[in-house]
Amino acid sequence: MTVARPDGRRGRRGGHLGGPRLTAEFGLSPDDAALARDRVFGGLVRVGTRIPENAPSPAKDPVAWESYQRGTRDLALVTRIYPQMFPNG
């Protein structure tokens, strides 16, 4: 799935990844926003396993793949989100 921002902007902005923001800013339905959020967290859990074979496919799961890439650049991100599961970053 490719999601274009309504205003044509690109890049990242700060803020919480939440359903209302995804529905308002990207025009996703509440169900699609929940799925996107789940895929993002799924990519981060895969980073936390530290098993390269767990990397998501960019073709089959691009949202999880992007969060996996982000998590590999900042392993502390995984710990901040899932401190119980991955306490050592």
N, C-alpha and C. Protein backbone atom coordinates (compact mmCIF):
# COMPACT_ATOMS: atom_id res chain seq x y z
N MET A 1 0.84 -1.16 0.00
CA MET A 1 0.00 0.00 0.00
C MET A 1 0.89 1.23 0.00
N THR A 2 0.61 2.17 -0.86
CA THR A 2 1.31 3.44 -0.89
C THR A 2 0.36 4.51 -0.39
N VAL A 3 0.84 5.30 0.56
CA VAL A 3 0.02 6.35 1.13
C VAL A 3 0.67 7.68 0.85
N ALA A 4 -0.03 8.53 0.14
CA ALA A 4 0.46 9.88 -0.13
C ALA A 4 -0.14 10.83 0.89
N ARG A 5 0.67 11.74 1.40
CA ARG A 5 0.14 12.73 2.33
C ARG A 5 -0.77 13.66 1.55
N PRO A 6 -1.87 14.08 2.15
CA PRO A 6 -2.83 14.92 1.44
C PRO A 6 -2.25 16.23 0.92
N ASP A 7 -1.27 16.78 1.62
CA ASP A 7 -0.71 18.08 1.22
C ASP A 7 0.53 17.95 0.33
N GLY A 8 0.90 16.72 -0.03
CA GLY A 8 2.03 16.50 -0.90
C GLY A 8 3.39 16.58 -0.22
N ARG A 9 3.43 16.80 1.07
CA ARG A 9 4.70 16.89 1.78
C ARG A 9 5.35 15.52 1.89
N ARG A 10 6.67 15.56 2.07
CA ARG A 10 7.43 14.34 2.28
C ARG A 10 8.28 14.52 3.53
N GLY A 11 8.80 13.40 4.04
CA GLY A 11 9.68 13.46 5.19
C GLY A 11 8.95 13.14 6.47
N ARG A 12 9.71 13.18 7.57
CA ARG A 12 9.17 12.81 8.87
C ARG A 12 8.92 14.06 9.69
N ARG A 13 7.89 13.99 10.49
CA ARG A 13 7.62 15.02 11.47
C ARG A 13 7.53 14.33 12.81
N GLY A 14 7.81 15.09 13.85
CA GLY A 14 7.70 14.53 15.19
C GLY A 14 6.25 14.28 15.54
N GLY A 15 6.03 13.57 16.60
CA GLY A 15 4.67 13.35 17.05
C GLY A 15 4.40 11.89 17.32
N HIS A 16 3.30 11.65 17.95
CA HIS A 16 2.90 10.31 18.35
C HIS A 16 2.24 9.61 17.17
N LEU A 17 2.57 8.36 16.98
CA LEU A 17 1.95 7.57 15.93
C LEU A 17 0.64 7.03 16.47
N GLY A 18 -0.42 7.75 16.23
CA GLY A 18 -1.71 7.34 16.77
C GLY A 18 -2.76 7.28 15.70
N GLY A 19 -3.84 6.58 16.00
CA GLY A 19 -4.93 6.42 15.05
C GLY A 19 -5.51 7.73 14.55
N PRO A 20 -5.86 8.67 15.44
CA PRO A 20 -6.45 9.92 14.94
C PRO A 20 -5.53 10.68 14.00
N ARG A 21 -4.25 10.67 14.28
CA ARG A 21 -3.32 11.37 13.40
C ARG A 21 -3.24 10.67 12.05
N LEU A 22 -3.19 9.35 12.06
CA LEU A 22 -3.12 8.62 10.80
C LEU A 22 -4.38 8.81 9.98
N THR A 23 -5.53 8.84 10.63
CA THR A 23 -6.76 9.01 9.87
C THR A 23 -6.86 10.43 9.33
N ALA A 24 -6.47 11.42 10.10
CA ALA A 24 -6.58 12.81 9.67
C ALA A 24 -5.52 13.18 8.64
N GLU A 25 -4.27 12.85 8.92
CA GLU A 25 -3.18 13.31 8.08
C GLU A 25 -3.02 12.49 6.80
N PHE A 26 -3.29 11.19 6.88
CA PHE A 26 -3.09 10.34 5.72
C PHE A 26 -4.39 9.85 5.10
N GLY A 27 -5.51 10.19 5.70
CA GLY A 27 -6.79 9.80 5.15
C GLY A 27 -7.08 8.31 5.27
N LEU A 28 -6.49 7.65 6.26
CA LEU A 28 -6.74 6.23 6.46
C LEU A 28 -8.02 6.02 7.26
N SER A 29 -8.67 4.92 7.00
CA SER A 29 -9.81 4.55 7.83
C SER A 29 -9.28 4.14 9.20
N PRO A 30 -10.11 4.13 10.24
CA PRO A 30 -9.63 3.67 11.54
C PRO A 30 -9.04 2.25 11.49
N ASP A 31 -9.64 1.36 10.72
CA ASP A 31 -9.11 0.00 10.60
C ASP A 31 -7.74 -0.02 9.92
N ASP A 32 -7.59 0.77 8.85
CA ASP A 32 -6.30 0.82 8.16
C ASP A 32 -5.23 1.47 9.04
N ALA A 33 -5.62 2.48 9.83
CA ALA A 33 -4.68 3.12 10.75
C ALA A 33 -4.21 2.13 11.80
N ALA A 34 -5.13 1.33 12.32
CA ALA A 34 -4.75 0.31 13.31
C ALA A 34 -3.82 -0.72 12.70
N LEU A 35 -4.08 -1.13 11.46
CA LEU A 35 -3.22 -2.09 10.79
C LEU A 35 -1.82 -1.50 10.56
N ALA A 36 -1.75 -0.25 10.12
CA ALA A 36 -0.45 0.39 9.90
C ALA A 36 0.34 0.47 11.21
N ARG A 37 -0.34 0.85 12.28
CA ARG A 37 0.32 0.93 13.59
C ARG A 37 0.83 -0.45 14.01
N ASP A 38 0.02 -1.48 13.82
CA ASP A 38 0.44 -2.84 14.16
C ASP A 38 1.66 -3.28 13.35
N ARG A 39 1.69 -2.92 12.08
CA ARG A 39 2.82 -3.31 11.23
C ARG A 39 4.10 -2.59 11.68
N VAL A 40 3.96 -1.31 12.08
CA VAL A 40 5.12 -0.57 12.59
C VAL A 40 5.68 -1.27 13.82
N PHE A 41 4.81 -1.58 14.76
CA PHE A 41 5.27 -2.25 15.98
C PHE A 41 5.82 -3.64 15.67
N GLY A 42 5.24 -4.31 14.67
CA GLY A 42 5.75 -5.62 14.27
C GLY A 42 7.17 -5.55 13.75
N GLY A 43 7.47 -4.51 12.98
CA GLY A 43 8.83 -4.32 12.49
C GLY A 43 9.81 -4.10 13.63
N LEU A 44 9.38 -3.35 14.64
CA LEU A 44 10.26 -3.09 15.79
C LEU A 44 10.48 -4.35 16.62
N VAL A 45 9.46 -5.17 16.77
CA VAL A 45 9.65 -6.43 17.50
C VAL A 45 10.65 -7.31 16.76
N ARG A 46 10.58 -7.31 15.44
CA ARG A 46 11.54 -8.11 14.67
C ARG A 46 12.97 -7.63 14.88
N VAL A 47 13.15 -6.30 14.99
CA VAL A 47 14.48 -5.77 15.29
C VAL A 47 14.95 -6.29 16.65
N GLY A 48 14.04 -6.27 17.61
CA GLY A 48 14.38 -6.69 18.96
C GLY A 48 14.87 -8.11 19.07
N THR A 49 14.46 -8.97 18.16
CA THR A 49 14.93 -10.36 18.21
C THR A 49 16.39 -10.48 17.83
N ARG A 50 16.90 -9.49 17.13
CA ARG A 50 18.30 -9.47 16.67
C ARG A 50 18.64 -10.66 15.77
N ILE A 51 17.66 -11.15 15.07
CA ILE A 51 17.85 -12.25 14.13
C ILE A 51 17.61 -11.68 12.72
N PRO A 52 18.65 -11.49 11.93
CA PRO A 52 18.50 -10.87 10.61
C PRO A 52 17.46 -11.55 9.71
N GLU A 53 17.31 -12.85 9.87
CA GLU A 53 16.33 -13.57 9.04
C GLU A 53 14.89 -13.14 9.36
N ASN A 54 14.68 -12.47 10.47
CA ASN A 54 13.34 -11.98 10.83
C ASN A 54 12.98 -10.67 10.12
N ALA A 55 13.89 -10.12 9.35
CA ALA A 55 13.61 -8.86 8.66
C ALA A 55 12.41 -9.03 7.74
N PRO A 56 11.46 -8.08 7.79
CA PRO A 56 10.31 -8.18 6.90
C PRO A 56 10.70 -7.89 5.45
N SER A 57 9.90 -8.39 4.56
CA SER A 57 10.12 -8.16 3.13
C SER A 57 9.64 -6.76 2.77
N PRO A 58 10.49 -5.98 2.08
CA PRO A 58 10.03 -4.65 1.68
C PRO A 58 8.89 -4.70 0.67
N ALA A 59 8.81 -5.79 -0.09
CA ALA A 59 7.73 -5.92 -1.08
C ALA A 59 6.42 -6.39 -0.44
N LYS A 60 6.52 -7.30 0.53
CA LYS A 60 5.31 -7.87 1.13
C LYS A 60 4.80 -7.08 2.33
N ASP A 61 5.69 -6.39 3.03
CA ASP A 61 5.28 -5.67 4.25
C ASP A 61 6.10 -4.39 4.37
N PRO A 62 5.86 -3.42 3.47
CA PRO A 62 6.70 -2.22 3.44
C PRO A 62 6.63 -1.37 4.70
N VAL A 63 5.52 -1.38 5.39
CA VAL A 63 5.42 -0.59 6.62
C VAL A 63 6.29 -1.21 7.71
N ALA A 64 6.21 -2.51 7.88
CA ALA A 64 7.07 -3.19 8.85
C ALA A 64 8.54 -3.08 8.45
N TRP A 65 8.82 -3.16 7.16
CA TRP A 65 10.19 -3.05 6.69
C TRP A 65 10.77 -1.68 7.03
N GLU A 66 9.99 -0.63 6.83
CA GLU A 66 10.48 0.72 7.13
C GLU A 66 10.74 0.88 8.63
N SER A 67 9.85 0.38 9.47
CA SER A 67 10.09 0.50 10.91
C SER A 67 11.26 -0.37 11.33
N TYR A 68 11.45 -1.50 10.67
CA TYR A 68 12.61 -2.36 10.94
C TYR A 68 13.90 -1.59 10.63
N GLN A 69 13.91 -0.91 9.50
CA GLN A 69 15.08 -0.12 9.12
C GLN A 69 15.35 0.97 10.16
N ARG A 70 14.31 1.64 10.59
CA ARG A 70 14.44 2.70 11.60
C ARG A 70 14.96 2.11 12.91
N GLY A 71 14.42 0.98 13.31
CA GLY A 71 14.85 0.33 14.54
C GLY A 71 16.29 -0.14 14.50
N THR A 72 16.76 -0.60 13.35
CA THR A 72 18.15 -1.05 13.27
C THR A 72 19.11 0.14 13.37
N ARG A 73 18.65 1.34 12.99
CA ARG A 73 19.49 2.53 13.13
C ARG A 73 19.50 3.05 14.57
N ASP A 74 18.47 2.71 15.35
CA ASP A 74 18.37 3.17 16.74
C ASP A 74 17.80 2.04 17.59
N LEU A 75 18.68 1.15 18.03
CA LEU A 75 18.22 0.00 18.80
C LEU A 75 17.56 0.40 20.11
N ALA A 76 17.92 1.55 20.65
CA ALA A 76 17.30 2.01 21.90
C ALA A 76 15.81 2.29 21.70
N LEU A 77 15.39 2.55 20.47
CA LEU A 77 13.98 2.77 20.19
C LEU A 77 13.14 1.56 20.58
N VAL A 78 13.65 0.39 20.27
CA VAL A 78 12.94 -0.85 20.60
C VAL A 78 12.78 -0.98 22.12
N THR A 79 13.83 -0.67 22.85
CA THR A 79 13.78 -0.74 24.31
C THR A 79 12.82 0.30 24.88
N ARG A 80 12.79 1.49 24.30
CA ARG A 80 11.87 2.52 24.80
C ARG A 80 10.42 2.11 24.61
N ILE A 81 10.12 1.40 23.54
CA ILE A 81 8.74 1.00 23.27
C ILE A 81 8.39 -0.30 23.97
N TYR A 82 9.32 -1.23 24.01
CA TYR A 82 9.10 -2.55 24.62
C TYR A 82 10.15 -2.85 25.69
N PRO A 83 10.18 -2.07 26.78
CA PRO A 83 11.23 -2.30 27.78
C PRO A 83 11.17 -3.67 28.46
N GLN A 84 9.99 -4.25 28.57
CA GLN A 84 9.86 -5.56 29.21
C GLN A 84 10.43 -6.67 28.34
N MET A 85 10.26 -6.52 27.02
CA MET A 85 10.69 -7.57 26.09
C MET A 85 12.16 -7.44 25.72
N PHE A 86 12.62 -6.20 25.58
CA PHE A 86 13.99 -5.96 25.08
C PHE A 86 14.68 -4.92 25.97
N PRO A 87 15.03 -5.29 27.20
CA PRO A 87 15.58 -4.31 28.13
C PRO A 87 16.99 -3.82 27.81
N ASN A 88 17.71 -4.50 26.95
CA ASN A 88 19.10 -4.15 26.68
C ASN A 88 19.33 -3.45 25.36
N GLY A 89 18.28 -2.91 24.76
CA GLY A 89 18.43 -2.19 23.51
C GLY A 89 18.86 -3.00 22.42
